[in-house]
């Protein structure tokens, strides 16, 4: 499994792996993917992305995180389980999962069964991202009141976790709530990872850390490094208040666009072109509704995004330096790369994976 070691000062004391007696902390490398619409026929688009995910697997990256969106070219996997079932069959080591399942959009009993299937099909490699969905526009497509979805999300999450626990224990499942009910359902399927796969949650504000920290949930965000640092520091503070050991902290990640090429010019040309297409997809529904995105915004051009700290384009040497700096500045222990976006071709994204694997990560480990 690929990771880099950061030798920068570690906030709040030690965050050392038991395998790192010198006190360096491990930063794992993963992938985030909107699966936003690219060029070519849909069947070819899906196949190219699966081929790319095979490269992630062979490279030893930690996990593949797939977004869920509806009615927008930003997300061509409106049913993450369908695409992830193919990922399960095309990989052997790579962990994977939705980031996130938009729980109010699902019958929760059916979702429990899908989770169990995916975890069994992958022999225990599923990561379970949960959320209510960031876009009220997309929620409204399903004839739901966006004001009601926070309560629906909380109840659906209780339903899913209690149902998975019942399945793991081999007992029937009952639930009585305001939105969801179940009565003595035989839980024939169970997850491979019990009582449930590792949980993931998206964070965008420091004041949202209480629930994930209390439950030991892995977190991921895409805010600039200073805000990410504030979120991570708040998470660590909640963790300490609960009396839990720093060495037991879950994964805390930041996602960013990444393009690597043999020359800086080639990397920037590729990144600038792909980013414009990706950004257009990101903003399409918001602009159509005359609204600003909730929780985050993205500048018009890739160069401005790089200035915020959540985008890297350059040579392997430049990527090495910037990735190490990003980990140190944000305080995370997980770097989550967005290597396929916009109209980037399979070959362009595969070039980034190849150079990352051959020239970036080995050098980072040696430097540590």
Protein backbone atom coordinates (compact mmCIF):
# COMPACT_ATOMS: atom_id res chain seq x y z
CA UNK A 1 0.00 0.00 0.00
CA UNK A 2 1.39 3.39 -0.96
CA UNK A 3 1.90 6.13 1.55
CA UNK A 4 4.32 8.93 2.27
CA UNK A 5 5.93 9.80 5.56
CA UNK A 6 5.77 13.40 6.68
CA UNK A 7 8.64 14.70 8.77
CA UNK A 8 6.94 18.02 9.41
CA UNK A 9 6.00 18.86 13.01
CA UNK A 10 2.94 16.91 14.00
CA UNK A 11 0.15 18.97 15.61
CA UNK A 12 -0.85 18.07 19.15
CA UNK A 13 1.97 15.61 19.73
CA UNK A 14 2.41 12.20 18.21
CA UNK A 15 0.40 10.67 15.40
CA UNK A 16 2.79 7.81 14.87
CA UNK A 17 2.11 4.41 13.42
CA UNK A 18 3.32 1.50 15.56
CA UNK A 19 5.58 0.65 12.61
CA UNK A 20 7.21 4.09 12.73
CA UNK A 21 9.28 4.26 15.94
CA UNK A 22 10.96 7.50 14.82
CA UNK A 23 7.69 9.37 15.27
CA UNK A 24 7.03 10.10 11.61
CA UNK A 25 3.38 9.80 10.71
CA UNK A 26 1.94 7.91 7.78
CA UNK A 27 0.00 9.75 5.11
CA UNK A 28 -1.88 7.35 2.87
CA UNK A 29 -2.82 8.09 -0.73
CA UNK A 30 -6.31 7.54 -2.17
CA UNK A 31 -8.56 8.68 -5.01
CA UNK A 32 -11.75 10.73 -5.15
CA UNK A 33 -13.89 10.61 -8.29
CA UNK A 34 -17.04 12.47 -9.27
CA UNK A 35 -17.15 10.26 -12.36
CA UNK A 36 -18.13 13.44 -14.18
CA UNK A 37 -18.99 13.14 -17.84
CA UNK A 38 -16.05 13.05 -20.21
CA UNK A 39 -15.64 12.63 -23.93
CA UNK A 40 -16.75 9.59 -25.90
CA UNK A 41 -19.63 7.16 -25.79
CA UNK A 42 -21.00 6.29 -22.33
CA UNK A 43 -19.99 2.62 -22.55
CA UNK A 44 -16.43 3.60 -23.46
CA UNK A 45 -16.36 6.23 -20.71
CA UNK A 46 -17.27 3.68 -18.03
CA UNK A 47 -14.82 1.11 -19.39
CA UNK A 48 -11.96 3.60 -19.46
CA UNK A 49 -12.64 4.58 -15.86
CA UNK A 50 -12.66 0.94 -14.78
CA UNK A 51 -9.34 0.44 -16.56
CA UNK A 52 -7.99 3.42 -14.65
CA UNK A 53 -9.24 1.98 -11.37
CA UNK A 54 -7.34 -1.21 -12.18
CA UNK A 55 -4.22 0.98 -12.28
CA UNK A 56 -5.08 2.41 -8.85
CA UNK A 57 -5.33 -1.15 -7.59
CA UNK A 58 -2.00 -2.22 -9.05
CA UNK A 59 -0.36 0.96 -7.73
CA UNK A 60 -1.31 0.01 -4.18
CA UNK A 61 -3.38 3.13 -3.51
CA UNK A 62 -5.52 2.93 -0.40
CA UNK A 63 -9.08 3.51 -1.60
CA UNK A 64 -11.35 4.75 -4.38
CA UNK A 65 -14.08 7.16 -3.22
CA UNK A 66 -17.04 7.70 -5.56
CA UNK A 67 -19.45 10.64 -5.37
CA UNK A 68 -23.21 10.43 -5.86
CA UNK A 69 -25.03 13.10 -7.88
CA UNK A 70 -28.28 13.25 -9.84
CA UNK A 71 -29.46 15.15 -12.91
CA UNK A 72 -26.03 16.60 -13.61
CA UNK A 73 -23.00 15.71 -15.74
CA UNK A 74 -20.97 16.11 -12.55
CA UNK A 75 -21.98 12.58 -11.55
CA UNK A 76 -22.37 9.75 -14.04
CA UNK A 77 -22.79 7.22 -11.23
CA UNK A 78 -26.18 8.22 -9.78
CA UNK A 79 -26.35 4.66 -8.44
CA UNK A 80 -22.91 4.20 -6.86
CA UNK A 81 -23.60 0.57 -5.98
CA UNK A 82 -23.97 -0.36 -9.65
CA UNK A 83 -20.59 1.08 -10.62
CA UNK A 84 -18.90 -0.14 -7.44
CA UNK A 85 -20.04 -3.70 -8.10
CA UNK A 86 -17.91 -3.54 -11.25
CA UNK A 87 -15.03 -2.06 -9.24
CA UNK A 88 -15.26 -5.00 -6.85
CA UNK A 89 -14.78 -7.43 -9.72
CA UNK A 90 -11.94 -5.51 -11.41
CA UNK A 91 -9.75 -5.03 -8.32
CA UNK A 92 -8.16 -7.21 -5.65
CA UNK A 93 -6.59 -4.91 -3.03
CA UNK A 94 -8.09 -1.46 -3.47
CA UNK A 95 -10.68 -0.42 -0.93
CA UNK A 96 -13.65 1.45 -2.37
CA UNK A 97 -16.96 3.00 -1.48
CA UNK A 98 -19.50 5.77 -1.96
CA UNK A 99 -18.53 9.19 -0.69
CA UNK A 100 -21.30 9.42 0.03
CA UNK A 101 -24.57 7.49 -0.21
CA UNK A 102 -27.24 10.22 -0.02
CA UNK A 103 -29.32 8.36 2.56
CA UNK A 104 -32.66 10.22 2.22
CA UNK A 105 -32.84 9.05 -1.40
CA UNK A 106 -32.80 5.33 -0.51
CA UNK A 107 -35.19 2.79 0.98
CA UNK A 108 -32.83 1.97 3.86
CA UNK A 109 -33.60 -1.75 4.03
CA UNK A 110 -32.69 -2.17 0.39
CA UNK A 111 -29.51 -0.16 0.94
CA UNK A 112 -28.49 -2.46 3.79
CA UNK A 113 -28.76 -5.41 1.42
CA UNK A 114 -26.69 -3.63 -1.25
CA UNK A 115 -24.01 -2.78 1.33
CA UNK A 116 -23.82 -6.41 2.41
CA UNK A 117 -23.56 -7.59 -1.20
CA UNK A 118 -20.77 -5.16 -2.06
CA UNK A 119 -18.82 -6.00 1.08
CA UNK A 120 -19.09 -9.73 0.40
CA UNK A 121 -18.36 -9.42 -3.33
CA UNK A 122 -15.15 -7.53 -2.51
CA UNK A 123 -14.20 -9.80 0.41
CA UNK A 124 -14.41 -6.98 2.91
CA UNK A 125 -13.05 -3.99 0.98
CA UNK A 126 -16.07 -1.67 1.18
CA UNK A 127 -15.86 1.74 2.86
CA UNK A 128 -19.27 3.17 3.74
CA UNK A 129 -19.65 6.91 3.18
CA UNK A 130 -22.89 8.43 4.47
CA UNK A 131 -24.50 11.85 4.12
CA UNK A 132 -27.73 13.67 3.35
CA UNK A 133 -26.63 15.10 0.00
CA UNK A 134 -25.13 18.55 -0.34
CA UNK A 135 -27.45 19.78 -3.10
CA UNK A 136 -31.07 20.70 -2.25
CA UNK A 137 -31.64 20.96 -6.00
CA UNK A 138 -30.88 17.27 -6.51
CA UNK A 139 -32.89 16.25 -3.44
CA UNK A 140 -35.91 18.10 -4.84
CA UNK A 141 -35.72 16.01 -8.03
CA UNK A 142 -36.92 13.12 -5.86
CA UNK A 143 -39.93 15.10 -4.60
CA UNK A 144 -38.37 15.53 -1.17
CA UNK A 145 -38.41 18.69 0.93
CA UNK A 146 -34.76 19.74 1.40
CA UNK A 147 -35.67 21.17 4.81
CA UNK A 148 -36.75 17.71 5.92
CA UNK A 149 -33.75 15.74 4.68
CA UNK A 150 -31.50 16.36 7.72
CA UNK A 151 -34.00 14.57 9.96
CA UNK A 152 -34.51 11.86 7.32
CA UNK A 153 -30.74 11.40 7.11
CA UNK A 154 -30.31 10.97 10.86
CA UNK A 155 -33.10 8.42 11.05
CA UNK A 156 -31.95 6.58 7.93
CA UNK A 157 -28.43 6.34 9.36
CA UNK A 158 -29.78 4.84 12.60
CA UNK A 159 -31.84 2.40 10.53
CA UNK A 160 -28.87 1.32 8.40
CA UNK A 161 -26.42 0.91 11.28
CA UNK A 162 -28.91 -0.94 13.47
CA UNK A 163 -29.88 -3.13 10.52
CA UNK A 164 -26.26 -3.99 9.74
CA UNK A 165 -25.68 -4.81 13.41
CA UNK A 166 -28.69 -7.13 13.38
CA UNK A 167 -27.44 -8.76 10.19
CA UNK A 168 -24.00 -9.26 11.74
CA UNK A 169 -25.60 -10.85 14.81
CA UNK A 170 -27.80 -13.13 12.70
CA UNK A 171 -31.07 -11.85 14.13
CA UNK A 172 -34.25 -10.41 12.67
CA UNK A 173 -34.48 -6.64 12.41
CA UNK A 174 -37.22 -4.28 13.54
CA UNK A 175 -37.28 -0.49 13.50
CA UNK A 176 -39.91 2.12 14.26
CA UNK A 177 -39.27 5.72 13.23
CA UNK A 178 -41.02 8.77 11.85
CA UNK A 179 -39.91 8.05 8.28
CA UNK A 180 -38.84 4.41 8.19
CA UNK A 181 -40.17 1.17 9.65
CA UNK A 182 -39.28 -2.51 9.59
CA UNK A 183 -40.94 -5.42 11.36
CA UNK A 184 -39.07 -8.67 12.07
CA UNK A 185 -37.19 -8.71 8.78
CA UNK A 186 -35.01 -11.83 8.36
CA UNK A 187 -31.49 -10.52 7.72
CA UNK A 188 -30.26 -13.17 5.33
CA UNK A 189 -27.25 -11.14 4.14
CA UNK A 190 -24.53 -9.83 6.44
CA UNK A 191 -21.48 -7.63 5.83
CA UNK A 192 -18.00 -9.13 5.72
CA UNK A 193 -16.78 -6.35 8.04
CA UNK A 194 -18.84 -6.51 11.20
CA UNK A 195 -20.84 -4.89 12.59
CA UNK A 196 -20.49 -2.65 9.52
CA UNK A 197 -17.85 -1.44 7.04
CA UNK A 198 -15.72 1.56 8.10
CA UNK A 199 -17.74 4.77 8.05
CA UNK A 200 -16.80 7.92 6.13
CA UNK A 201 -18.29 11.39 6.39
CA UNK A 202 -17.69 14.64 4.48
CA UNK A 203 -16.68 17.66 6.57
CA UNK A 204 -16.62 21.30 5.51
CA UNK A 205 -16.72 23.15 8.88
CA UNK A 206 -14.93 22.80 12.24
CA UNK A 207 -18.27 22.91 14.08
CA UNK A 208 -19.37 19.64 12.43
CA UNK A 209 -16.80 17.33 14.01
CA UNK A 210 -18.67 16.21 17.15
CA UNK A 211 -20.60 13.30 15.63
CA UNK A 212 -17.79 11.75 13.54
CA UNK A 213 -15.25 12.17 16.34
CA UNK A 214 -17.57 10.54 18.88
CA UNK A 215 -18.03 7.51 16.61
CA UNK A 216 -14.50 7.30 15.27
CA UNK A 217 -15.66 8.01 11.73
CA UNK A 218 -13.13 8.65 8.93
CA UNK A 219 -13.55 12.10 7.40
CA UNK A 220 -12.73 13.79 4.12
CA UNK A 221 -13.10 17.32 2.79
CA UNK A 222 -12.04 19.57 -0.06
CA UNK A 223 -11.54 22.89 1.69
CA UNK A 224 -8.29 24.89 1.36
CA UNK A 225 -5.49 23.80 3.71
CA UNK A 226 -5.98 26.49 6.40
CA UNK A 227 -9.66 25.63 6.83
CA UNK A 228 -8.89 21.92 6.60
CA UNK A 229 -6.32 22.40 9.38
CA UNK A 230 -8.98 24.05 11.55
CA UNK A 231 -11.33 21.12 10.90
CA UNK A 232 -8.65 18.53 11.69
CA UNK A 233 -7.57 20.39 14.84
CA UNK A 234 -11.20 20.48 16.00
CA UNK A 235 -11.54 16.76 15.32
CA UNK A 236 -8.38 16.01 17.32
CA UNK A 237 -9.65 18.14 20.21
CA UNK A 238 -12.96 16.22 20.30
CA UNK A 239 -11.00 12.98 20.16
CA UNK A 240 -8.86 13.96 23.15
CA UNK A 241 -11.91 15.10 25.13
CA UNK A 242 -13.32 11.61 24.70
CA UNK A 243 -10.13 10.20 26.24
CA UNK A 244 -9.07 8.36 23.11
CA UNK A 245 -5.47 7.77 22.08
CA UNK A 246 -3.95 9.87 19.30
CA UNK A 247 -2.49 6.70 17.78
CA UNK A 248 -6.06 5.42 17.24
CA UNK A 249 -7.23 8.40 15.19
CA UNK A 250 -9.14 7.43 12.05
CA UNK A 251 -8.27 8.63 8.56
CA UNK A 252 -8.67 12.36 7.98
CA UNK A 253 -8.34 13.39 4.35
CA UNK A 254 -8.21 16.31 1.96
CA UNK A 255 -9.10 15.94 -1.72
CA UNK A 256 -7.38 17.85 -4.51
CA UNK A 257 -6.94 17.87 -8.29
CA UNK A 258 -3.68 16.28 -9.44
CA UNK A 259 -2.05 16.17 -12.88
CA UNK A 260 1.55 15.03 -13.37
CA UNK A 261 3.47 15.08 -16.64
CA UNK A 262 7.07 15.03 -17.83
CA UNK A 263 7.05 18.82 -18.08
CA UNK A 264 5.27 21.50 -16.09
CA UNK A 265 3.88 22.98 -19.28
CA UNK A 266 2.28 19.70 -20.36
CA UNK A 267 0.78 19.16 -16.90
CA UNK A 268 -0.67 22.67 -16.75
CA UNK A 269 -2.13 22.51 -20.25
CA UNK A 270 -3.87 19.23 -19.43
CA UNK A 271 -5.10 20.39 -16.03
CA UNK A 272 -6.40 23.75 -17.28
CA UNK A 273 -8.38 22.15 -20.08
CA UNK A 274 -9.88 19.38 -17.96
CA UNK A 275 -10.69 21.68 -15.06
CA UNK A 276 -12.79 24.02 -17.19
CA UNK A 277 -15.01 21.12 -18.26
CA UNK A 278 -15.21 19.75 -14.71
CA UNK A 279 -16.08 23.16 -13.27
CA UNK A 280 -18.81 23.70 -15.86
CA UNK A 281 -20.34 20.38 -14.77
CA UNK A 282 -20.01 21.30 -11.10
CA UNK A 283 -21.83 24.61 -11.53
CA UNK A 284 -24.44 23.57 -14.10
CA UNK A 285 -27.38 22.91 -11.77
CA UNK A 286 -26.54 25.79 -9.44
CA UNK A 287 -26.38 28.33 -12.26
CA UNK A 288 -29.55 26.94 -13.81
CA UNK A 289 -31.31 27.53 -10.47
CA UNK A 290 -29.70 30.95 -9.99
CA UNK A 291 -28.08 29.86 -6.74
CA UNK A 292 -24.57 29.67 -5.31
CA UNK A 293 -23.16 26.27 -4.30
CA UNK A 294 -23.47 25.38 -0.63
CA UNK A 295 -20.33 24.91 1.40
CA UNK A 296 -17.70 25.48 -1.29
CA UNK A 297 -16.91 27.38 -4.47
CA UNK A 298 -14.37 26.86 -7.22
CA UNK A 299 -12.62 29.61 -9.20
CA UNK A 300 -12.98 29.98 -12.95
CA UNK A 301 -9.48 28.78 -13.83
CA UNK A 302 -7.15 26.03 -12.64
CA UNK A 303 -4.31 28.45 -11.83
CA UNK A 304 -6.54 30.20 -9.30
CA UNK A 305 -7.48 26.82 -7.82
CA UNK A 306 -3.78 26.03 -7.37
CA UNK A 307 -3.41 29.25 -5.40
CA UNK A 308 -5.98 27.96 -2.88
CA UNK A 309 -3.80 24.89 -2.25
CA UNK A 310 -6.19 22.17 -3.44
CA UNK A 311 -4.74 21.58 -6.91
CA UNK A 312 -1.34 20.40 -8.12
CA UNK A 313 -0.04 20.26 -11.69
CA UNK A 314 3.59 19.79 -12.58
CA UNK A 315 6.52 17.44 -12.92
CA UNK A 316 7.10 14.52 -10.54
CA UNK A 317 9.56 16.63 -8.56
CA UNK A 318 7.05 19.46 -8.23
CA UNK A 319 4.28 17.04 -7.25
CA UNK A 320 6.49 15.49 -4.57
CA UNK A 321 7.20 18.84 -2.96
CA UNK A 322 3.64 20.11 -3.17
CA UNK A 323 2.04 16.92 -1.85
CA UNK A 324 4.38 16.87 1.15
CA UNK A 325 3.59 20.53 1.81
CA UNK A 326 -0.15 19.92 1.48
CA UNK A 327 -0.05 17.15 4.08
CA UNK A 328 1.98 19.27 6.47
CA UNK A 329 -0.10 22.44 6.07
CA UNK A 330 -3.51 20.78 6.33
CA UNK A 331 -2.61 18.35 9.12
CA UNK A 332 -4.27 15.37 7.42
CA UNK A 333 -3.10 11.77 7.37
CA UNK A 334 -4.74 10.99 4.02
CA UNK A 335 -4.22 12.67 0.63
CA UNK A 336 -7.08 11.99 -1.77
CA UNK A 337 -6.21 12.73 -5.40
CA UNK A 338 -8.68 13.64 -8.14
CA UNK A 339 -6.71 12.40 -11.16
CA UNK A 340 -9.53 11.95 -13.71
CA UNK A 341 -11.79 14.94 -14.29
CA UNK A 342 -13.39 16.93 -17.08
CA UNK A 343 -12.35 15.81 -20.54
CA UNK A 344 -9.05 14.24 -19.50
CA UNK A 345 -8.46 11.12 -21.57
CA UNK A 346 -7.68 7.72 -20.12
CA UNK A 347 -4.09 8.14 -21.32
CA UNK A 348 -3.69 11.51 -19.60
CA UNK A 349 -5.03 10.25 -16.28
CA UNK A 350 -3.00 7.04 -16.57
CA UNK A 351 0.15 9.13 -17.08
CA UNK A 352 -0.48 10.81 -13.73
CA UNK A 353 -0.97 7.44 -12.02
CA UNK A 354 2.20 6.06 -13.59
CA UNK A 355 4.39 9.00 -12.61
CA UNK A 356 2.84 9.16 -9.15
CA UNK A 357 3.63 5.49 -8.60
CA UNK A 358 7.11 5.38 -10.16
CA UNK A 359 8.60 8.77 -9.33
CA UNK A 360 6.61 10.58 -6.65
CA UNK A 361 5.73 8.14 -3.89
CA UNK A 362 9.03 6.21 -3.79
CA UNK A 363 10.98 9.46 -3.56
CA UNK A 364 8.75 10.75 -0.78
CA UNK A 365 9.31 7.57 1.22
CA UNK A 366 13.07 7.74 0.70
CA UNK A 367 13.17 11.40 1.68
CA UNK A 368 11.46 10.56 4.95
